[in-house]
């Protein structure tokens, strides 16, 4: 009797989330959003909105409605119009010139600016001083990139934010990773079930010494 186990199932992202944050010199800022779902996401139809809460504010000081389509497995890079040529070369959407600093919370919502929170960098209503985190894994003068093991955004904008938990840090004005992201999601433990047997269930005429196999999910 042979028992065969199928490969484990992986948890695929079910919504967009932030995958990279650039807080560089001067106006070199950018936000990258990743679509790890199995389908393209229409940002306009979904009402996805980028919001910036400055200096511990509880009301967004800058709101940007996102417009375009993010392909499955693709990214959407948003930047100010006066960022440098490297950032603008991979930007999908640009707007404005007065963007965030390291102590400003960045929020992604859907179904409009008052809709559900999809992801957040920082903590709404809290001013950390100059940055969240320390060293390269901080929100001031650094690039931080979501770890490949992270497969969902932080939907609680009021909780404490520690970049070292979910983000890798890079030196000021690191732009090489913008425009691409990938994930290696954690394995989900599922209750096993029988998916097939040899011989088939209720088969007749099977030799007494025939090999038997059972395949589980």
C-alpha atoms as a PDB file:
ATOM      1  CA  UNK A   1       0.000   0.000   0.000  1.00  0.00           C
ATOM      2  CA  UNK A   2       1.540   3.319  -1.137  1.00  0.00           C
ATOM      3  CA  UNK A   3       0.531   6.689   0.309  1.00  0.00           C
ATOM      4  CA  UNK A   4       1.271   9.743  -1.843  1.00  0.00           C
ATOM      5  CA  UNK A   5       1.062  13.306  -0.487  1.00  0.00           C
ATOM      6  CA  UNK A   6       0.451  16.147  -2.917  1.00  0.00           C
ATOM      7  CA  UNK A   7       2.614  19.329  -2.671  1.00  0.00           C
ATOM      8  CA  UNK A   8       1.589  21.719   0.115  1.00  0.00           C
ATOM      9  CA  UNK A   9      -0.649  24.676  -0.761  1.00  0.00           C
ATOM     10  CA  UNK A  10       0.809  28.189  -0.569  1.00  0.00           C
ATOM     11  CA  UNK A  11      -1.079  31.233   0.673  1.00  0.00           C
ATOM     12  CA  UNK A  12      -1.505  33.557  -2.294  1.00  0.00           C
ATOM     13  CA  UNK A  13      -2.084  37.272  -1.614  1.00  0.00           C
ATOM     14  CA  UNK A  14      -5.735  38.294  -1.861  1.00  0.00           C
ATOM     15  CA  UNK A  15      -5.260  42.060  -2.254  1.00  0.00           C
ATOM     16  CA  UNK A  16      -2.702  44.721  -3.088  1.00  0.00           C
ATOM     17  CA  UNK A  17      -0.066  45.785  -0.559  1.00  0.00           C
ATOM     18  CA  UNK A  18       2.962  48.075  -0.281  1.00  0.00           C
ATOM     19  CA  UNK A  19       6.135  46.403  -1.532  1.00  0.00           C
ATOM     20  CA  UNK A  20       8.683  49.242  -1.586  1.00  0.00           C
ATOM     21  CA  UNK A  21       9.076  52.696  -0.043  1.00  0.00           C
ATOM     22  CA  UNK A  22      11.702  55.208  -1.101  1.00  0.00           C
ATOM     23  CA  UNK A  23      12.469  58.224   1.101  1.00  0.00           C
ATOM     24  CA  UNK A  24      15.606  59.561  -0.539  1.00  0.00           C
ATOM     25  CA  UNK A  25      17.352  62.882  -0.901  1.00  0.00           C
ATOM     26  CA  UNK A  26      15.407  65.953  -1.999  1.00  0.00           C
ATOM     27  CA  UNK A  27      12.312  64.902  -3.966  1.00  0.00           C
ATOM     28  CA  UNK A  28      13.442  61.334  -4.572  1.00  0.00           C
ATOM     29  CA  UNK A  29      10.394  59.607  -3.121  1.00  0.00           C
ATOM     30  CA  UNK A  30       8.362  56.666  -4.373  1.00  0.00           C
ATOM     31  CA  UNK A  31       5.775  54.157  -3.265  1.00  0.00           C
ATOM     32  CA  UNK A  32       5.531  50.733  -4.923  1.00  0.00           C
ATOM     33  CA  UNK A  33       2.334  48.682  -4.686  1.00  0.00           C
ATOM     34  CA  UNK A  34       2.350  44.955  -5.471  1.00  0.00           C
ATOM     35  CA  UNK A  35      -0.408  42.799  -6.924  1.00  0.00           C
ATOM     36  CA  UNK A  36       0.234  39.230  -5.821  1.00  0.00           C
ATOM     37  CA  UNK A  37      -3.249  38.047  -6.689  1.00  0.00           C
ATOM     38  CA  UNK A  38      -4.023  35.786  -9.627  1.00  0.00           C
ATOM     39  CA  UNK A  39      -5.877  38.529 -11.541  1.00  0.00           C
ATOM     40  CA  UNK A  40      -5.227  42.039 -12.807  1.00  0.00           C
ATOM     41  CA  UNK A  41      -6.535  44.795 -10.509  1.00  0.00           C
ATOM     42  CA  UNK A  42      -8.273  47.861 -11.929  1.00  0.00           C
ATOM     43  CA  UNK A  43      -7.283  50.632  -9.540  1.00  0.00           C
ATOM     44  CA  UNK A  44      -9.986  53.027 -10.705  1.00  0.00           C
ATOM     45  CA  UNK A  45     -12.812  50.495 -10.505  1.00  0.00           C
ATOM     46  CA  UNK A  46     -11.591  49.390  -7.071  1.00  0.00           C
ATOM     47  CA  UNK A  47     -11.378  52.951  -5.790  1.00  0.00           C
ATOM     48  CA  UNK A  48      -7.792  52.459  -4.590  1.00  0.00           C
ATOM     49  CA  UNK A  49      -6.454  55.621  -2.983  1.00  0.00           C
ATOM     50  CA  UNK A  50      -3.045  56.604  -1.617  1.00  0.00           C
ATOM     51  CA  UNK A  51      -3.169  58.833   1.471  1.00  0.00           C
ATOM     52  CA  UNK A  52      -0.466  60.637   3.461  1.00  0.00           C
ATOM     53  CA  UNK A  53      -0.872  61.583   7.126  1.00  0.00           C
ATOM     54  CA  UNK A  54       1.760  64.195   8.013  1.00  0.00           C
ATOM     55  CA  UNK A  55       3.474  64.596  11.387  1.00  0.00           C
ATOM     56  CA  UNK A  56       1.157  62.400  13.430  1.00  0.00           C
ATOM     57  CA  UNK A  57      -2.031  63.810  11.940  1.00  0.00           C
ATOM     58  CA  UNK A  58      -5.286  61.906  12.034  1.00  0.00           C
ATOM     59  CA  UNK A  59      -6.568  63.471   8.807  1.00  0.00           C
ATOM     60  CA  UNK A  60      -4.833  62.893   5.477  1.00  0.00           C
ATOM     61  CA  UNK A  61      -2.957  65.963   4.219  1.00  0.00           C
ATOM     62  CA  UNK A  62      -2.525  64.598   0.696  1.00  0.00           C
ATOM     63  CA  UNK A  63      -4.801  62.127  -1.103  1.00  0.00           C
ATOM     64  CA  UNK A  64      -4.184  60.600  -4.528  1.00  0.00           C
ATOM     65  CA  UNK A  65      -6.734  58.478  -6.376  1.00  0.00           C
ATOM     66  CA  UNK A  66      -4.890  55.714  -8.220  1.00  0.00           C
ATOM     67  CA  UNK A  67      -5.745  55.128 -11.871  1.00  0.00           C
ATOM     68  CA  UNK A  68      -4.627  52.256 -14.071  1.00  0.00           C
ATOM     69  CA  UNK A  69      -4.441  48.474 -14.052  1.00  0.00           C
ATOM     70  CA  UNK A  70      -1.877  46.430 -12.126  1.00  0.00           C
ATOM     71  CA  UNK A  71      -1.265  43.060 -13.812  1.00  0.00           C
ATOM     72  CA  UNK A  72      -1.196  39.870 -11.774  1.00  0.00           C
ATOM     73  CA  UNK A  73       2.279  39.623 -10.254  1.00  0.00           C
ATOM     74  CA  UNK A  74       3.014  43.219 -11.252  1.00  0.00           C
ATOM     75  CA  UNK A  75       3.689  46.482  -9.446  1.00  0.00           C
ATOM     76  CA  UNK A  76       2.440  50.068  -9.538  1.00  0.00           C
ATOM     77  CA  UNK A  77       5.014  52.755  -8.765  1.00  0.00           C
ATOM     78  CA  UNK A  78       3.800  56.211  -7.687  1.00  0.00           C
ATOM     79  CA  UNK A  79       6.174  59.176  -7.405  1.00  0.00           C
ATOM     80  CA  UNK A  80       6.217  62.987  -7.282  1.00  0.00           C
ATOM     81  CA  UNK A  81       6.638  64.731 -10.620  1.00  0.00           C
ATOM     82  CA  UNK A  82      10.032  66.138  -9.638  1.00  0.00           C
ATOM     83  CA  UNK A  83      11.705  62.880  -8.571  1.00  0.00           C
ATOM     84  CA  UNK A  84      14.905  62.004 -10.396  1.00  0.00           C
ATOM     85  CA  UNK A  85      15.003  60.373 -13.832  1.00  0.00           C
ATOM     86  CA  UNK A  86      15.619  56.856 -12.486  1.00  0.00           C
ATOM     87  CA  UNK A  87      12.441  56.909 -10.390  1.00  0.00           C
ATOM     88  CA  UNK A  88      10.373  58.585 -13.096  1.00  0.00           C
ATOM     89  CA  UNK A  89      11.593  55.984 -15.573  1.00  0.00           C
ATOM     90  CA  UNK A  90       9.724  53.222 -13.707  1.00  0.00           C
ATOM     91  CA  UNK A  91       6.859  55.309 -12.301  1.00  0.00           C
ATOM     92  CA  UNK A  92       3.355  54.328 -13.432  1.00  0.00           C
ATOM     93  CA  UNK A  93       1.724  57.409 -11.934  1.00  0.00           C
ATOM     94  CA  UNK A  94       3.088  60.794 -10.861  1.00  0.00           C
ATOM     95  CA  UNK A  95       1.500  63.652  -8.960  1.00  0.00           C
ATOM     96  CA  UNK A  96       2.485  66.738  -7.033  1.00  0.00           C
ATOM     97  CA  UNK A  97       5.828  67.831  -5.636  1.00  0.00           C
ATOM     98  CA  UNK A  98       5.305  68.012  -1.852  1.00  0.00           C
ATOM     99  CA  UNK A  99       5.506  64.421  -0.650  1.00  0.00           C
ATOM    100  CA  UNK A 100       6.132  62.528   2.587  1.00  0.00           C
ATOM    101  CA  UNK A 101       9.012  62.532   5.042  1.00  0.00           C
ATOM    102  CA  UNK A 102      10.130  59.764   7.368  1.00  0.00           C
ATOM    103  CA  UNK A 103       7.651  60.666  10.108  1.00  0.00           C
ATOM    104  CA  UNK A 104       4.566  60.612   7.846  1.00  0.00           C
ATOM    105  CA  UNK A 105       2.201  57.638   7.644  1.00  0.00           C
ATOM    106  CA  UNK A 106       1.378  56.334   4.165  1.00  0.00           C
ATOM    107  CA  UNK A 107      -1.932  54.519   3.699  1.00  0.00           C
ATOM    108  CA  UNK A 108      -3.544  52.512   0.907  1.00  0.00           C
ATOM    109  CA  UNK A 109      -7.346  52.319   0.931  1.00  0.00           C
ATOM    110  CA  UNK A 110      -9.894  50.898  -1.484  1.00  0.00           C
ATOM    111  CA  UNK A 111     -13.431  51.951  -2.442  1.00  0.00           C
ATOM    112  CA  UNK A 112     -12.353  55.569  -1.917  1.00  0.00           C
ATOM    113  CA  UNK A 113     -10.647  57.666   0.739  1.00  0.00           C
ATOM    114  CA  UNK A 114     -13.078  56.569   3.448  1.00  0.00           C
ATOM    115  CA  UNK A 115     -13.023  52.908   2.477  1.00  0.00           C
ATOM    116  CA  UNK A 116     -11.277  49.923   4.073  1.00  0.00           C
ATOM    117  CA  UNK A 117      -7.589  50.264   4.868  1.00  0.00           C
ATOM    118  CA  UNK A 118      -5.550  47.838   2.754  1.00  0.00           C
ATOM    119  CA  UNK A 119      -2.043  48.595   4.008  1.00  0.00           C
ATOM    120  CA  UNK A 120      -0.087  51.196   5.979  1.00  0.00           C
ATOM    121  CA  UNK A 121       3.513  52.299   6.430  1.00  0.00           C
ATOM    122  CA  UNK A 122       3.831  54.018   9.799  1.00  0.00           C
ATOM    123  CA  UNK A 123       1.114  54.639  12.364  1.00  0.00           C
ATOM    124  CA  UNK A 124      -1.793  57.031  11.848  1.00  0.00           C
ATOM    125  CA  UNK A 125      -2.048  59.634  14.616  1.00  0.00           C
ATOM    126  CA  UNK A 126       1.460  59.089  15.980  1.00  0.00           C
ATOM    127  CA  UNK A 127       4.531  61.232  15.298  1.00  0.00           C
ATOM    128  CA  UNK A 128       7.684  59.143  15.853  1.00  0.00           C
ATOM    129  CA  UNK A 129       9.929  62.204  15.806  1.00  0.00           C
ATOM    130  CA  UNK A 130      11.873  61.783  12.575  1.00  0.00           C
ATOM    131  CA  UNK A 131      11.368  58.140  11.623  1.00  0.00           C
ATOM    132  CA  UNK A 132       9.985  54.722  12.425  1.00  0.00           C
ATOM    133  CA  UNK A 133      12.683  52.106  12.942  1.00  0.00           C
ATOM    134  CA  UNK A 134      16.455  52.426  13.158  1.00  0.00           C
ATOM    135  CA  UNK A 135      19.442  52.154  10.844  1.00  0.00           C
ATOM    136  CA  UNK A 136      18.718  51.094   7.279  1.00  0.00           C
ATOM    137  CA  UNK A 137      15.383  49.623   8.362  1.00  0.00           C
ATOM    138  CA  UNK A 138      13.858  53.014   9.033  1.00  0.00           C
ATOM    139  CA  UNK A 139      11.511  55.341   7.179  1.00  0.00           C
ATOM    140  CA  UNK A 140      13.847  58.363   6.957  1.00  0.00           C
ATOM    141  CA  UNK A 141      16.549  58.668   4.268  1.00  0.00           C
ATOM    142  CA  UNK A 142      16.279  55.005   3.285  1.00  0.00           C
ATOM    143  CA  UNK A 143      14.655  52.592   0.897  1.00  0.00           C
ATOM    144  CA  UNK A 144      12.738  49.768   2.563  1.00  0.00           C
ATOM    145  CA  UNK A 145      11.479  46.748   0.671  1.00  0.00           C
ATOM    146  CA  UNK A 146       8.860  44.241   1.867  1.00  0.00           C
ATOM    147  CA  UNK A 147      10.285  40.855   2.760  1.00  0.00           C
ATOM    148  CA  UNK A 148       9.398  38.099   0.295  1.00  0.00           C
ATOM    149  CA  UNK A 149       7.702  36.158   3.097  1.00  0.00           C
ATOM    150  CA  UNK A 150       5.087  38.901   3.574  1.00  0.00           C
ATOM    151  CA  UNK A 151       1.925  38.200   1.586  1.00  0.00           C
ATOM    152  CA  UNK A 152      -0.623  40.669   2.991  1.00  0.00           C
ATOM    153  CA  UNK A 153      -0.788  44.279   4.086  1.00  0.00           C
ATOM    154  CA  UNK A 154      -1.226  45.704   7.584  1.00  0.00           C
ATOM    155  CA  UNK A 155      -4.907  46.652   7.783  1.00  0.00           C
ATOM    156  CA  UNK A 156      -4.662  48.286  11.220  1.00  0.00           C
ATOM    157  CA  UNK A 157      -3.468  51.859  10.852  1.00  0.00           C
ATOM    158  CA  UNK A 158      -3.433  52.489  14.598  1.00  0.00           C
ATOM    159  CA  UNK A 159      -1.006  49.782  15.702  1.00  0.00           C
ATOM    160  CA  UNK A 160       2.685  50.335  16.404  1.00  0.00           C
ATOM    161  CA  UNK A 161       4.929  50.171  13.339  1.00  0.00           C
ATOM    162  CA  UNK A 162       8.336  48.488  13.409  1.00  0.00           C
ATOM    163  CA  UNK A 163       9.853  48.229   9.895  1.00  0.00           C
ATOM    164  CA  UNK A 164      12.349  45.556  10.939  1.00  0.00           C
ATOM    165  CA  UNK A 165       9.566  42.967  11.229  1.00  0.00           C
ATOM    166  CA  UNK A 166       8.400  42.983   7.604  1.00  0.00           C
ATOM    167  CA  UNK A 167      10.884  45.159   5.703  1.00  0.00           C
ATOM    168  CA  UNK A 168      14.499  44.969   4.501  1.00  0.00           C
ATOM    169  CA  UNK A 169      16.468  48.225   4.509  1.00  0.00           C
ATOM    170  CA  UNK A 170      18.749  49.798   1.908  1.00  0.00           C
ATOM    171  CA  UNK A 171      20.892  52.928   1.753  1.00  0.00           C
ATOM    172  CA  UNK A 172      19.653  56.367   0.749  1.00  0.00           C
ATOM    173  CA  UNK A 173      18.711  56.711  -2.927  1.00  0.00           C
ATOM    174  CA  UNK A 174      18.611  52.970  -3.642  1.00  0.00           C
ATOM    175  CA  UNK A 175      16.255  52.643  -6.607  1.00  0.00           C
ATOM    176  CA  UNK A 176      17.396  49.414  -8.261  1.00  0.00           C
ATOM    177  CA  UNK A 177      14.481  47.337  -6.985  1.00  0.00           C
ATOM    178  CA  UNK A 178      11.698  49.683  -8.037  1.00  0.00           C
ATOM    179  CA  UNK A 179       9.190  48.244 -10.480  1.00  0.00           C
ATOM    180  CA  UNK A 180       9.441  44.574  -9.548  1.00  0.00           C
ATOM    181  CA  UNK A 181       8.583  42.422  -6.558  1.00  0.00           C
ATOM    182  CA  UNK A 182       8.082  38.751  -5.772  1.00  0.00           C
ATOM    183  CA  UNK A 183       6.861  36.748  -2.805  1.00  0.00           C
ATOM    184  CA  UNK A 184       7.530  33.313  -1.324  1.00  0.00           C
ATOM    185  CA  UNK A 185       4.486  32.893   0.836  1.00  0.00           C
ATOM    186  CA  UNK A 186       4.286  30.681   3.892  1.00  0.00           C
ATOM    187  CA  UNK A 187       2.840  27.203   3.581  1.00  0.00           C
ATOM    188  CA  UNK A 188      -0.721  26.779   4.776  1.00  0.00           C
ATOM    189  CA  UNK A 189      -1.510  23.665   6.835  1.00  0.00           C
ATOM    190  CA  UNK A 190      -4.673  22.127   5.431  1.00  0.00           C
ATOM    191  CA  UNK A 191      -6.572  19.102   6.683  1.00  0.00           C
ATOM    192  CA  UNK A 192      -5.729  16.181   4.341  1.00  0.00           C
ATOM    193  CA  UNK A 193      -8.316  14.566   2.117  1.00  0.00           C
ATOM    194  CA  UNK A 194      -8.174  11.664  -0.319  1.00  0.00           C
ATOM    195  CA  UNK A 195      -7.972  12.932  -3.905  1.00  0.00           C
ATOM    196  CA  UNK A 196      -7.547   9.624  -5.758  1.00  0.00           C
ATOM    197  CA  UNK A 197      -6.980   5.912  -5.273  1.00  0.00           C
ATOM    198  CA  UNK A 198      -5.596   3.077  -7.392  1.00  0.00           C
ATOM    199  CA  UNK A 199      -7.602   0.981  -8.050  1.00  0.00           C
ATOM    200  CA  UNK A 200     -10.502   3.448  -8.195  1.00  0.00           C
ATOM    201  CA  UNK A 201     -13.090   3.387  -5.439  1.00  0.00           C
ATOM    202  CA  UNK A 202     -15.581   0.476  -5.879  1.00  0.00           C
ATOM    203  CA  UNK A 203     -13.478  -1.062  -8.672  1.00  0.00           C
ATOM    204  CA  UNK A 204     -14.136  -4.732  -9.425  1.00  0.00           C
ATOM    205  CA  UNK A 205     -11.953  -7.471 -10.774  1.00  0.00           C
ATOM    206  CA  UNK A 206      -8.876  -6.329  -8.876  1.00  0.00           C
ATOM    207  CA  UNK A 207      -6.217  -8.991  -8.369  1.00  0.00           C
ATOM    208  CA  UNK A 208      -5.650  -9.901  -4.714  1.00  0.00           C
ATOM    209  CA  UNK A 209      -1.934  -9.050  -5.017  1.00  0.00           C
ATOM    210  CA  UNK A 210      -2.385  -5.769  -6.946  1.00  0.00           C
ATOM    211  CA  UNK A 211      -0.546  -2.663  -5.724  1.00  0.00           C
ATOM    212  CA  UNK A 212      -2.740  -0.123  -3.980  1.00  0.00           C
ATOM    213  CA  UNK A 213      -2.100   3.617  -3.730  1.00  0.00           C
ATOM    214  CA  UNK A 214      -3.887   6.475  -2.015  1.00  0.00           C
ATOM    215  CA  UNK A 215      -3.148  10.122  -2.875  1.00  0.00           C
ATOM    216  CA  UNK A 216      -3.907  12.789  -0.276  1.00  0.00           C
ATOM    217  CA  UNK A 217      -4.303  16.533  -0.736  1.00  0.00           C
END
